[in-house]
Amino acid sequence: MSKNKVYHRQGFVIGVGDLGEIPGAQHVEVEDCTKIIEALNSGRCVIYLDGEFQIQESRAAQWLFIRQSRDMLLSESDVEIMKIRDSEVISGVVSQQHQELARYRQALRDITLQSDPFNIKWPVWSQI
């Protein structure tokens, strides 16, 4: 079996195969690249560290999942905020429930300010 080259820059795998020279990249010759290629194709990261390839979940894919989940929660709370606003229009009083929901929705929007997508602290609004 012939060897393939796995190219990496600062430890992150950026290419597999006979790609010629990639500026700033280093390469390692590997007998079988199947697992590396499968991992890259499934959206995971492959890192070359201490002479070994490590497959990790992609931070970008995790952030995408978090944004989709957040957007779904915001959509669900849209219905609740409309109910509360209708009630307030009728009564003429801004409720504490409205303020709590507004804080919850802002916390959902701020979810992407957290640094670790694999350890997200989700806000909770007890009325939903």
N, C-alpha and C. Protein backbone atom coordinates (compact mmCIF):
# COMPACT_ATOMS: atom_id res chain seq x y z
N MET A 1 0.84 -1.18 0.00
CA MET A 1 0.00 0.00 0.00
C MET A 1 0.88 1.23 0.00
N SER A 2 0.56 2.20 -0.83
CA SER A 2 1.36 3.42 -0.89
C SER A 2 0.96 4.36 0.25
N LYS A 3 1.87 5.23 0.58
CA LYS A 3 1.61 6.18 1.66
C LYS A 3 0.97 7.44 1.10
N ASN A 4 0.06 8.01 1.87
CA ASN A 4 -0.56 9.29 1.55
C ASN A 4 0.06 10.36 2.43
N LYS A 5 -0.01 11.59 1.97
CA LYS A 5 0.44 12.70 2.78
C LYS A 5 -0.77 13.33 3.46
N VAL A 6 -0.60 13.64 4.73
CA VAL A 6 -1.61 14.38 5.48
C VAL A 6 -0.97 15.72 5.82
N TYR A 7 -1.59 16.79 5.33
CA TYR A 7 -1.04 18.13 5.52
C TYR A 7 -1.68 18.78 6.74
N HIS A 8 -0.85 19.46 7.54
CA HIS A 8 -1.40 20.17 8.69
C HIS A 8 -0.66 21.50 8.84
N ARG A 9 -1.40 22.44 9.40
CA ARG A 9 -0.85 23.75 9.70
C ARG A 9 -1.18 24.03 11.16
N GLN A 10 -0.16 24.28 11.96
CA GLN A 10 -0.30 24.50 13.40
C GLN A 10 -1.08 23.36 14.06
N GLY A 11 -0.90 22.15 13.56
CA GLY A 11 -1.52 20.98 14.16
C GLY A 11 -2.88 20.62 13.60
N PHE A 12 -3.56 21.52 12.88
CA PHE A 12 -4.88 21.23 12.32
C PHE A 12 -4.72 20.66 10.92
N VAL A 13 -5.34 19.52 10.67
CA VAL A 13 -5.25 18.88 9.36
C VAL A 13 -6.02 19.72 8.35
N ILE A 14 -5.36 20.05 7.24
CA ILE A 14 -5.98 20.90 6.23
C ILE A 14 -6.07 20.21 4.87
N GLY A 15 -5.52 19.01 4.75
CA GLY A 15 -5.60 18.31 3.48
C GLY A 15 -5.03 16.91 3.55
N VAL A 16 -5.51 16.06 2.65
CA VAL A 16 -5.06 14.67 2.59
C VAL A 16 -4.84 14.31 1.13
N GLY A 17 -3.76 13.60 0.86
CA GLY A 17 -3.50 13.14 -0.51
C GLY A 17 -2.25 13.77 -1.07
N ASP A 18 -2.08 13.68 -2.36
CA ASP A 18 -0.92 14.25 -3.04
C ASP A 18 -1.32 15.62 -3.58
N LEU A 19 -1.27 16.61 -2.70
CA LEU A 19 -1.75 17.95 -3.04
C LEU A 19 -0.63 18.88 -3.48
N GLY A 20 0.58 18.37 -3.57
CA GLY A 20 1.69 19.25 -3.91
C GLY A 20 2.12 20.02 -2.67
N GLU A 21 2.58 21.21 -2.87
CA GLU A 21 3.03 22.02 -1.74
C GLU A 21 1.95 23.01 -1.34
N ILE A 22 1.58 23.01 -0.07
CA ILE A 22 0.63 23.97 0.49
C ILE A 22 1.45 24.94 1.33
N PRO A 23 1.43 26.24 0.99
CA PRO A 23 2.24 27.22 1.73
C PRO A 23 1.97 27.18 3.23
N GLY A 24 3.03 27.10 4.00
CA GLY A 24 2.92 27.11 5.46
C GLY A 24 2.52 25.80 6.08
N ALA A 25 2.28 24.77 5.27
CA ALA A 25 1.84 23.48 5.81
C ALA A 25 3.00 22.51 5.92
N GLN A 26 2.87 21.60 6.86
CA GLN A 26 3.81 20.49 6.99
C GLN A 26 3.04 19.23 6.62
N HIS A 27 3.75 18.17 6.30
CA HIS A 27 3.04 16.94 5.99
C HIS A 27 3.65 15.75 6.73
N VAL A 28 2.80 14.73 6.90
CA VAL A 28 3.19 13.48 7.52
C VAL A 28 2.73 12.39 6.58
N GLU A 29 3.58 11.39 6.33
CA GLU A 29 3.17 10.28 5.48
C GLU A 29 2.47 9.23 6.34
N VAL A 30 1.32 8.77 5.83
CA VAL A 30 0.46 7.84 6.58
C VAL A 30 0.05 6.72 5.64
N GLU A 31 0.07 5.48 6.15
CA GLU A 31 -0.32 4.32 5.34
C GLU A 31 -1.80 4.39 4.94
N ASP A 32 -2.68 4.56 5.94
CA ASP A 32 -4.11 4.53 5.68
C ASP A 32 -4.75 5.80 6.22
N CYS A 33 -5.35 6.59 5.37
CA CYS A 33 -5.97 7.86 5.74
C CYS A 33 -7.49 7.76 5.85
N THR A 34 -8.03 6.56 5.76
CA THR A 34 -9.49 6.39 5.71
C THR A 34 -10.20 7.08 6.87
N LYS A 35 -9.74 6.84 8.10
CA LYS A 35 -10.41 7.44 9.27
C LYS A 35 -10.29 8.96 9.27
N ILE A 36 -9.17 9.46 8.82
CA ILE A 36 -8.98 10.91 8.76
C ILE A 36 -9.94 11.52 7.75
N ILE A 37 -10.03 10.91 6.58
CA ILE A 37 -10.92 11.42 5.53
C ILE A 37 -12.38 11.33 5.98
N GLU A 38 -12.78 10.22 6.60
CA GLU A 38 -14.15 10.07 7.09
C GLU A 38 -14.47 11.13 8.13
N ALA A 39 -13.54 11.40 9.03
CA ALA A 39 -13.76 12.41 10.07
C ALA A 39 -13.92 13.79 9.46
N LEU A 40 -13.05 14.14 8.53
CA LEU A 40 -13.15 15.45 7.88
C LEU A 40 -14.46 15.58 7.09
N ASN A 41 -14.86 14.52 6.41
CA ASN A 41 -16.11 14.55 5.63
C ASN A 41 -17.35 14.64 6.51
N SER A 42 -17.25 14.20 7.76
CA SER A 42 -18.41 14.27 8.65
C SER A 42 -18.41 15.54 9.50
N GLY A 43 -17.51 16.47 9.18
CA GLY A 43 -17.52 17.76 9.86
C GLY A 43 -16.73 17.81 11.16
N ARG A 44 -15.92 16.80 11.42
CA ARG A 44 -15.10 16.82 12.63
C ARG A 44 -13.73 17.40 12.32
N CYS A 45 -13.02 17.77 13.35
CA CYS A 45 -11.65 18.28 13.22
C CYS A 45 -10.67 17.14 13.44
N VAL A 46 -9.57 17.20 12.72
CA VAL A 46 -8.48 16.25 12.95
C VAL A 46 -7.26 17.08 13.29
N ILE A 47 -6.64 16.72 14.41
CA ILE A 47 -5.49 17.46 14.91
C ILE A 47 -4.30 16.52 14.97
N TYR A 48 -3.15 17.03 14.57
CA TYR A 48 -1.91 16.27 14.67
C TYR A 48 -1.14 16.83 15.85
N LEU A 49 -1.05 16.02 16.92
CA LEU A 49 -0.44 16.48 18.16
C LEU A 49 0.42 15.37 18.74
N ASP A 50 1.64 15.71 19.07
CA ASP A 50 2.59 14.75 19.66
C ASP A 50 2.74 13.49 18.82
N GLY A 51 2.78 13.66 17.50
CA GLY A 51 3.00 12.53 16.60
C GLY A 51 1.78 11.66 16.35
N GLU A 52 0.61 12.09 16.82
CA GLU A 52 -0.62 11.31 16.63
C GLU A 52 -1.72 12.18 16.05
N PHE A 53 -2.62 11.52 15.31
CA PHE A 53 -3.80 12.19 14.80
C PHE A 53 -4.93 11.99 15.80
N GLN A 54 -5.59 13.08 16.17
CA GLN A 54 -6.71 13.02 17.10
C GLN A 54 -7.94 13.58 16.40
N ILE A 55 -9.04 12.86 16.51
CA ILE A 55 -10.30 13.29 15.90
C ILE A 55 -11.13 13.95 16.99
N GLN A 56 -11.59 15.17 16.72
CA GLN A 56 -12.38 15.91 17.69
C GLN A 56 -13.64 16.43 17.03
N GLU A 57 -14.65 16.68 17.84
CA GLU A 57 -15.86 17.29 17.32
C GLU A 57 -15.52 18.70 16.87
N SER A 58 -16.16 19.13 15.83
CA SER A 58 -15.92 20.45 15.28
C SER A 58 -16.63 21.52 16.10
N ARG A 59 -15.90 22.53 16.50
CA ARG A 59 -16.50 23.66 17.22
C ARG A 59 -17.51 24.37 16.33
N ALA A 60 -17.19 24.49 15.04
CA ALA A 60 -18.10 25.17 14.11
C ALA A 60 -19.43 24.42 14.00
N ALA A 61 -19.37 23.10 13.91
CA ALA A 61 -20.60 22.30 13.83
C ALA A 61 -21.39 22.42 15.13
N GLN A 62 -20.72 22.45 16.25
CA GLN A 62 -21.40 22.58 17.54
C GLN A 62 -22.07 23.95 17.66
N TRP A 63 -21.38 25.01 17.20
CA TRP A 63 -21.99 26.35 17.24
C TRP A 63 -23.21 26.41 16.34
N LEU A 64 -23.16 25.74 15.20
CA LEU A 64 -24.32 25.70 14.31
C LEU A 64 -25.51 25.04 15.01
N PHE A 65 -25.28 23.92 15.68
CA PHE A 65 -26.33 23.23 16.42
C PHE A 65 -26.89 24.14 17.52
N ILE A 66 -26.02 24.84 18.23
CA ILE A 66 -26.45 25.73 19.31
C ILE A 66 -27.31 26.87 18.76
N ARG A 67 -26.89 27.46 17.64
CA ARG A 67 -27.68 28.54 17.04
C ARG A 67 -29.06 28.04 16.58
N GLN A 68 -29.10 26.85 16.01
CA GLN A 68 -30.38 26.30 15.57
C GLN A 68 -31.29 26.04 16.77
N SER A 69 -30.73 25.50 17.85
CA SER A 69 -31.51 25.25 19.06
C SER A 69 -32.00 26.56 19.66
N ARG A 70 -31.12 27.54 19.71
CA ARG A 70 -31.49 28.86 20.24
C ARG A 70 -32.61 29.48 19.43
N ASP A 71 -32.51 29.40 18.10
CA ASP A 71 -33.53 29.98 17.23
C ASP A 71 -34.89 29.31 17.43
N MET A 72 -34.87 28.00 17.67
CA MET A 72 -36.12 27.29 17.94
C MET A 72 -36.75 27.78 19.25
N LEU A 73 -35.92 27.96 20.29
CA LEU A 73 -36.43 28.45 21.57
C LEU A 73 -36.96 29.88 21.45
N LEU A 74 -36.29 30.71 20.67
CA LEU A 74 -36.79 32.07 20.44
C LEU A 74 -38.13 32.04 19.72
N SER A 75 -38.26 31.16 18.73
CA SER A 75 -39.53 31.04 18.01
C SER A 75 -40.65 30.60 18.93
N GLU A 76 -40.36 29.64 19.80
CA GLU A 76 -41.38 29.19 20.75
C GLU A 76 -41.79 30.32 21.69
N SER A 77 -40.83 31.13 22.10
CA SER A 77 -41.15 32.21 23.03
C SER A 77 -41.86 33.38 22.33
N ASP A 78 -41.78 33.44 21.00
CA ASP A 78 -42.53 34.47 20.25
C ASP A 78 -44.02 34.35 20.54
N VAL A 79 -44.52 33.15 20.57
CA VAL A 79 -45.95 32.91 20.84
C VAL A 79 -46.29 33.41 22.24
N GLU A 80 -45.45 33.09 23.20
CA GLU A 80 -45.71 33.49 24.58
C GLU A 80 -45.68 35.00 24.73
N ILE A 81 -44.73 35.65 24.06
CA ILE A 81 -44.65 37.11 24.21
C ILE A 81 -45.87 37.80 23.60
N MET A 82 -46.41 37.22 22.54
CA MET A 82 -47.62 37.80 21.94
C MET A 82 -48.81 37.65 22.89
N LYS A 83 -48.91 36.52 23.57
CA LYS A 83 -49.99 36.32 24.55
C LYS A 83 -49.87 37.35 25.69
N ILE A 84 -48.64 37.54 26.17
CA ILE A 84 -48.41 38.48 27.27
C ILE A 84 -48.73 39.90 26.81
N ARG A 85 -48.31 40.27 25.62
CA ARG A 85 -48.58 41.62 25.11
C ARG A 85 -50.08 41.85 24.96
N ASP A 86 -50.80 40.85 24.46
CA ASP A 86 -52.26 40.99 24.35
C ASP A 86 -52.86 41.25 25.72
N SER A 87 -52.42 40.50 26.71
CA SER A 87 -52.93 40.66 28.07
C SER A 87 -52.61 42.05 28.60
N GLU A 88 -51.42 42.55 28.30
CA GLU A 88 -51.01 43.87 28.77
C GLU A 88 -51.81 44.98 28.09
N VAL A 89 -52.09 44.81 26.82
CA VAL A 89 -52.90 45.81 26.10
C VAL A 89 -54.28 45.89 26.73
N ILE A 90 -54.83 44.75 27.07
CA ILE A 90 -56.16 44.71 27.68
C ILE A 90 -56.14 45.35 29.07
N SER A 91 -55.14 44.98 29.89
CA SER A 91 -55.09 45.46 31.28
C SER A 91 -54.44 46.83 31.42
N GLY A 92 -53.56 47.18 30.48
CA GLY A 92 -52.84 48.46 30.57
C GLY A 92 -51.66 48.43 31.51
N VAL A 93 -51.24 47.24 31.95
CA VAL A 93 -50.15 47.11 32.91
C VAL A 93 -49.08 46.17 32.34
N VAL A 94 -47.82 46.63 32.41
CA VAL A 94 -46.71 45.76 31.99
C VAL A 94 -46.45 44.75 33.11
N SER A 95 -46.50 43.50 32.78
CA SER A 95 -46.37 42.46 33.80
C SER A 95 -44.91 42.08 34.06
N GLN A 96 -44.70 41.52 35.23
CA GLN A 96 -43.38 41.00 35.58
C GLN A 96 -43.03 39.83 34.67
N GLN A 97 -44.05 39.08 34.26
CA GLN A 97 -43.85 37.94 33.35
C GLN A 97 -43.23 38.42 32.04
N HIS A 98 -43.66 39.57 31.54
CA HIS A 98 -43.10 40.14 30.31
C HIS A 98 -41.62 40.47 30.50
N GLN A 99 -41.29 41.06 31.63
CA GLN A 99 -39.88 41.40 31.91
C GLN A 99 -39.02 40.14 32.01
N GLU A 100 -39.54 39.12 32.68
CA GLU A 100 -38.79 37.87 32.80
C GLU A 100 -38.56 37.22 31.43
N LEU A 101 -39.60 37.26 30.60
CA LEU A 101 -39.47 36.69 29.26
C LEU A 101 -38.48 37.49 28.42
N ALA A 102 -38.49 38.80 28.56
CA ALA A 102 -37.54 39.64 27.83
C ALA A 102 -36.10 39.31 28.24
N ARG A 103 -35.87 39.11 29.55
CA ARG A 103 -34.53 38.73 30.03
C ARG A 103 -34.12 37.36 29.48
N TYR A 104 -35.06 36.42 29.47
CA TYR A 104 -34.81 35.08 28.92
C TYR A 104 -34.43 35.16 27.45
N ARG A 105 -35.19 35.93 26.68
CA ARG A 105 -34.92 36.04 25.24
C ARG A 105 -33.56 36.70 24.99
N GLN A 106 -33.19 37.70 25.81
CA GLN A 106 -31.88 38.32 25.66
C GLN A 106 -30.77 37.33 26.00
N ALA A 107 -30.99 36.53 27.04
CA ALA A 107 -30.00 35.51 27.41
C ALA A 107 -29.83 34.49 26.27
N LEU A 108 -30.92 34.16 25.58
CA LEU A 108 -30.81 33.26 24.42
C LEU A 108 -29.98 33.91 23.31
N ARG A 109 -30.22 35.20 23.07
CA ARG A 109 -29.44 35.89 22.03
C ARG A 109 -27.96 35.96 22.40
N ASP A 110 -27.67 36.05 23.70
CA ASP A 110 -26.27 36.17 24.16
C ASP A 110 -25.57 34.81 24.28
N ILE A 111 -26.24 33.74 23.96
CA ILE A 111 -25.69 32.39 24.14
C ILE A 111 -24.37 32.23 23.36
N THR A 112 -24.24 32.90 22.22
CA THR A 112 -23.03 32.75 21.42
C THR A 112 -21.84 33.54 21.99
N LEU A 113 -22.06 34.29 23.06
CA LEU A 113 -20.95 34.98 23.72
C LEU A 113 -20.19 34.06 24.67
N GLN A 114 -20.76 32.89 24.95
CA GLN A 114 -20.05 31.92 25.79
C GLN A 114 -18.89 31.34 25.01
N SER A 115 -17.83 30.98 25.70
CA SER A 115 -16.60 30.59 25.02
C SER A 115 -16.53 29.12 24.60
N ASP A 116 -17.21 28.24 25.30
CA ASP A 116 -17.08 26.80 25.04
C ASP A 116 -18.39 26.23 24.51
N PRO A 117 -18.46 25.90 23.21
CA PRO A 117 -19.71 25.40 22.66
C PRO A 117 -20.09 24.00 23.16
N PHE A 118 -19.18 23.33 23.83
CA PHE A 118 -19.47 21.99 24.35
C PHE A 118 -19.91 22.04 25.81
N ASN A 119 -20.00 23.25 26.37
CA ASN A 119 -20.40 23.41 27.77
C ASN A 119 -21.27 24.67 27.90
N ILE A 120 -22.37 24.69 27.18
CA ILE A 120 -23.26 25.85 27.15
C ILE A 120 -24.16 25.85 28.38
N LYS A 121 -24.32 27.01 28.96
CA LYS A 121 -25.26 27.20 30.07
C LYS A 121 -26.50 27.85 29.49
N TRP A 122 -27.56 27.05 29.34
CA TRP A 122 -28.80 27.52 28.72
C TRP A 122 -29.66 28.25 29.72
N PRO A 123 -30.23 29.40 29.35
CA PRO A 123 -31.17 30.07 30.23
C PRO A 123 -32.49 29.31 30.31
N VAL A 124 -33.20 29.51 31.40
CA VAL A 124 -34.47 28.81 31.59
C VAL A 124 -35.54 29.85 31.90
N TRP A 125 -36.67 29.70 31.24
CA TRP A 125 -37.84 30.50 31.58
C TRP A 125 -38.93 29.52 31.96
N SER A 126 -39.38 29.59 33.19
CA SER A 126 -40.26 28.56 33.74
C SER A 126 -41.64 28.50 33.10
N GLN A 127 -42.07 29.55 32.38
CA GLN A 127 -43.41 29.57 31.84
C GLN A 127 -43.56 28.77 30.54
N ILE A 128 -42.44 28.44 29.88
CA ILE A 128 -42.53 27.70 28.61
C ILE A 128 -42.47 26.21 28.89
